Amino acid sequence: QVQLVESGGGLVQPGGSLTLSCTTSRNIFTLFAMDWNWYRQAPGKQRELVALITSRDNTNYLDSVKGRFTISRDNDKNTVYLQMNSLQPEDSAVYYCNLNDDRAEYWGQGIQVTVSS
């Protein structure tokens, strides 16, 4: 069974930056053809899609993070990244990575990002 392992979360002051990483626990032969997503869920709120990157490197972002967050992938390292700049308290949430195609879907365990002074 494939697991996704997230790293890079933590506490940061408003205006600061963090980079989240998510790596697979083993190589996936078809990973290059799969899409990556980053979701987040704040307490009392629904999980929302923050950013996605397709197998063709097309990207899309939640409106509130456009211009501040950047998603990227490294297929050789089986890893997706989320560079987060100009972080605000409203960005505080548990962030989840997701890897999927038509036949399979994998989720990370979630990592906490807290933006506070």
C-alpha atoms as a PDB file:
ATOM      1  CA  GLN A   1       0.000   0.000   0.000  1.00  0.00           C
ATOM      2  CA  VAL A   2       1.332   3.420  -0.927  1.00  0.00           C
ATOM      3  CA  GLN A   3       1.541   6.048   1.767  1.00  0.00           C
ATOM      4  CA  LEU A   4       2.053   9.753   1.311  1.00  0.00           C
ATOM      5  CA  VAL A   5       4.327  11.449   3.829  1.00  0.00           C
ATOM      6  CA  GLU A   6       4.052  15.193   4.337  1.00  0.00           C
ATOM      7  CA  SER A   7       6.669  17.462   5.876  1.00  0.00           C
ATOM      8  CA  GLY A   8       7.491  21.129   6.282  1.00  0.00           C
ATOM      9  CA  GLY A   9       4.586  22.363   8.364  1.00  0.00           C
ATOM     10  CA  GLY A  10       4.795  24.311  11.595  1.00  0.00           C
ATOM     11  CA  LEU A  11       4.302  27.699  13.181  1.00  0.00           C
ATOM     12  CA  VAL A  12       5.096  30.855  11.224  1.00  0.00           C
ATOM     13  CA  GLN A  13       4.420  34.539  11.753  1.00  0.00           C
ATOM     14  CA  PRO A  14       2.068  36.451   9.446  1.00  0.00           C
ATOM     15  CA  GLY A  15       3.877  37.384   6.273  1.00  0.00           C
ATOM     16  CA  GLY A  16       6.214  34.444   6.588  1.00  0.00           C
ATOM     17  CA  SER A  17       6.812  31.479   4.304  1.00  0.00           C
ATOM     18  CA  LEU A  18       6.722  27.708   4.488  1.00  0.00           C
ATOM     19  CA  THR A  19       7.278  24.952   1.952  1.00  0.00           C
ATOM     20  CA  LEU A  20       5.324  21.747   2.302  1.00  0.00           C
ATOM     21  CA  SER A  21       6.570  18.523   0.745  1.00  0.00           C
ATOM     22  CA  CYS A  22       4.753  15.265   0.136  1.00  0.00           C
ATOM     23  CA  THR A  23       6.564  12.079  -0.906  1.00  0.00           C
ATOM     24  CA  THR A  24       5.368   8.589  -1.682  1.00  0.00           C
ATOM     25  CA  SER A  25       6.493   5.699   0.517  1.00  0.00           C
ATOM     26  CA  ARG A  26       7.551   3.705  -2.529  1.00  0.00           C
ATOM     27  CA  ASN A  27       8.023   4.260  -6.232  1.00  0.00           C
ATOM     28  CA  ILE A  28       4.889   4.375  -8.348  1.00  0.00           C
ATOM     29  CA  PHE A  29       5.552   3.494 -11.957  1.00  0.00           C
ATOM     30  CA  THR A  30       2.639   5.580 -13.215  1.00  0.00           C
ATOM     31  CA  LEU A  31       3.227   8.579 -10.959  1.00  0.00           C
ATOM     32  CA  PHE A  32       4.230  10.749 -13.930  1.00  0.00           C
ATOM     33  CA  ALA A  33       0.666  10.294 -15.269  1.00  0.00           C
ATOM     34  CA  MET A  34      -1.066  11.126 -11.998  1.00  0.00           C
ATOM     35  CA  ASP A  35      -2.345  14.416 -10.634  1.00  0.00           C
ATOM     36  CA  TRP A  36      -1.301  15.943  -7.325  1.00  0.00           C
ATOM     37  CA  ASN A  37      -3.522  18.066  -5.102  1.00  0.00           C
ATOM     38  CA  TRP A  38      -3.072  19.980  -1.875  1.00  0.00           C
ATOM     39  CA  TYR A  39      -6.140  20.372   0.347  1.00  0.00           C
ATOM     40  CA  ARG A  40      -6.558  22.072   3.688  1.00  0.00           C
ATOM     41  CA  GLN A  41      -9.067  21.930   6.495  1.00  0.00           C
ATOM     42  CA  ALA A  42      -9.415  24.485   9.258  1.00  0.00           C
ATOM     43  CA  PRO A  43     -11.324  23.727  12.470  1.00  0.00           C
ATOM     44  CA  GLY A  44     -15.065  23.859  11.894  1.00  0.00           C
ATOM     45  CA  LYS A  45     -14.669  24.258   8.145  1.00  0.00           C
ATOM     46  CA  GLN A  46     -14.929  21.934   5.177  1.00  0.00           C
ATOM     47  CA  ARG A  47     -11.860  20.616   3.460  1.00  0.00           C
ATOM     48  CA  GLU A  48     -10.991  22.786   0.471  1.00  0.00           C
ATOM     49  CA  LEU A  49      -8.781  22.308  -2.556  1.00  0.00           C
ATOM     50  CA  VAL A  50      -5.870  24.724  -2.356  1.00  0.00           C
ATOM     51  CA  ALA A  51      -3.793  23.837  -5.406  1.00  0.00           C
ATOM     52  CA  LEU A  52      -3.447  21.166  -8.039  1.00  0.00           C
ATOM     53  CA  ILE A  53      -0.885  20.156 -10.624  1.00  0.00           C
ATOM     54  CA  THR A  54      -1.772  17.759 -13.376  1.00  0.00           C
ATOM     55  CA  SER A  55       0.373  15.163 -15.094  1.00  0.00           C
ATOM     56  CA  ARG A  56       0.964  17.775 -17.793  1.00  0.00           C
ATOM     57  CA  ASP A  57       2.088  20.347 -15.214  1.00  0.00           C
ATOM     58  CA  ASN A  58      -1.057  22.428 -15.529  1.00  0.00           C
ATOM     59  CA  THR A  59      -1.776  24.195 -12.254  1.00  0.00           C
ATOM     60  CA  ASN A  60      -4.761  25.790 -10.598  1.00  0.00           C
ATOM     61  CA  TYR A  61      -5.224  27.548  -7.274  1.00  0.00           C
ATOM     62  CA  LEU A  62      -7.838  28.571  -4.781  1.00  0.00           C
ATOM     63  CA  ASP A  63      -8.564  32.246  -5.399  1.00  0.00           C
ATOM     64  CA  SER A  64      -7.442  33.298  -1.944  1.00  0.00           C
ATOM     65  CA  VAL A  65      -3.941  31.850  -2.433  1.00  0.00           C
ATOM     66  CA  LYS A  66      -3.282  32.901  -6.022  1.00  0.00           C
ATOM     67  CA  GLY A  67      -0.055  34.841  -6.268  1.00  0.00           C
ATOM     68  CA  ARG A  68       1.104  33.603  -2.853  1.00  0.00           C
ATOM     69  CA  PHE A  69       1.258  29.804  -3.201  1.00  0.00           C
ATOM     70  CA  THR A  70       3.079  27.762  -5.823  1.00  0.00           C
ATOM     71  CA  ILE A  71       2.641  24.050  -6.432  1.00  0.00           C
ATOM     72  CA  SER A  72       5.331  22.031  -8.181  1.00  0.00           C
ATOM     73  CA  ARG A  73       6.274  18.401  -8.660  1.00  0.00           C
ATOM     74  CA  ASP A  74       9.432  16.348  -9.082  1.00  0.00           C
ATOM     75  CA  ASN A  75       8.552  12.999 -10.619  1.00  0.00           C
ATOM     76  CA  ASP A  76      12.082  11.665 -10.166  1.00  0.00           C
ATOM     77  CA  LYS A  77      11.724  12.196  -6.409  1.00  0.00           C
ATOM     78  CA  ASN A  78       8.059  11.121  -6.250  1.00  0.00           C
ATOM     79  CA  THR A  79       7.380  14.442  -4.554  1.00  0.00           C
ATOM     80  CA  VAL A  80       5.042  17.409  -4.729  1.00  0.00           C
ATOM     81  CA  TYR A  81       5.750  20.768  -3.112  1.00  0.00           C
ATOM     82  CA  LEU A  82       3.644  23.687  -1.971  1.00  0.00           C
ATOM     83  CA  GLN A  83       5.591  26.901  -1.576  1.00  0.00           C
ATOM     84  CA  MET A  84       3.552  29.257   0.607  1.00  0.00           C
ATOM     85  CA  ASN A  85       4.487  32.919   0.854  1.00  0.00           C
ATOM     86  CA  SER A  86       2.877  35.910   2.571  1.00  0.00           C
ATOM     87  CA  LEU A  87       1.074  33.571   4.922  1.00  0.00           C
ATOM     88  CA  GLN A  88      -1.899  34.937   6.824  1.00  0.00           C
ATOM     89  CA  PRO A  89      -3.739  33.648   9.901  1.00  0.00           C
ATOM     90  CA  GLU A  90      -6.578  32.472   7.663  1.00  0.00           C
ATOM     91  CA  ASP A  91      -4.134  30.054   6.014  1.00  0.00           C
ATOM     92  CA  SER A  92      -3.889  28.138   9.278  1.00  0.00           C
ATOM     93  CA  ALA A  93      -5.183  24.612   8.763  1.00  0.00           C
ATOM     94  CA  VAL A  94      -4.223  20.997   8.431  1.00  0.00           C
ATOM     95  CA  TYR A  95      -2.858  20.529   4.922  1.00  0.00           C
ATOM     96  CA  TYR A  96      -3.290  17.234   3.073  1.00  0.00           C
ATOM     97  CA  CYS A  97      -1.642  16.028  -0.101  1.00  0.00           C
ATOM     98  CA  ASN A  98      -3.505  13.836  -2.550  1.00  0.00           C
ATOM     99  CA  LEU A  99      -2.290  11.792  -5.496  1.00  0.00           C
ATOM    100  CA  ASN A 100      -4.752  10.336  -7.950  1.00  0.00           C
ATOM    101  CA  ASP A 101      -5.624   9.025 -11.353  1.00  0.00           C
ATOM    102  CA  ASP A 102      -8.633   7.167 -12.761  1.00  0.00           C
ATOM    103  CA  ARG A 103      -7.700   3.959 -10.927  1.00  0.00           C
ATOM    104  CA  ALA A 104      -6.205   4.974  -7.590  1.00  0.00           C
ATOM    105  CA  GLU A 105      -6.176   7.707  -4.991  1.00  0.00           C
ATOM    106  CA  TYR A 106      -3.817   8.253  -2.076  1.00  0.00           C
ATOM    107  CA  TRP A 107      -3.923  10.704   0.825  1.00  0.00           C
ATOM    108  CA  GLY A 108      -1.357  11.991   3.238  1.00  0.00           C
ATOM    109  CA  GLN A 109      -1.993  11.994   6.966  1.00  0.00           C
ATOM    110  CA  GLY A 110      -2.125  15.776   7.146  1.00  0.00           C
ATOM    111  CA  ILE A 111       0.289  18.343   8.502  1.00  0.00           C
ATOM    112  CA  GLN A 112      -0.455  21.372  10.652  1.00  0.00           C
ATOM    113  CA  VAL A 113       0.290  24.890   9.444  1.00  0.00           C
ATOM    114  CA  THR A 114      -0.276  27.638  11.995  1.00  0.00           C
ATOM    115  CA  VAL A 115       0.125  31.317  11.134  1.00  0.00           C
ATOM    116  CA  SER A 116       0.209  33.418  14.259  1.00  0.00           C
ATOM    117  CA  SER A 117       2.157  36.196  15.900  1.00  0.00           C
END
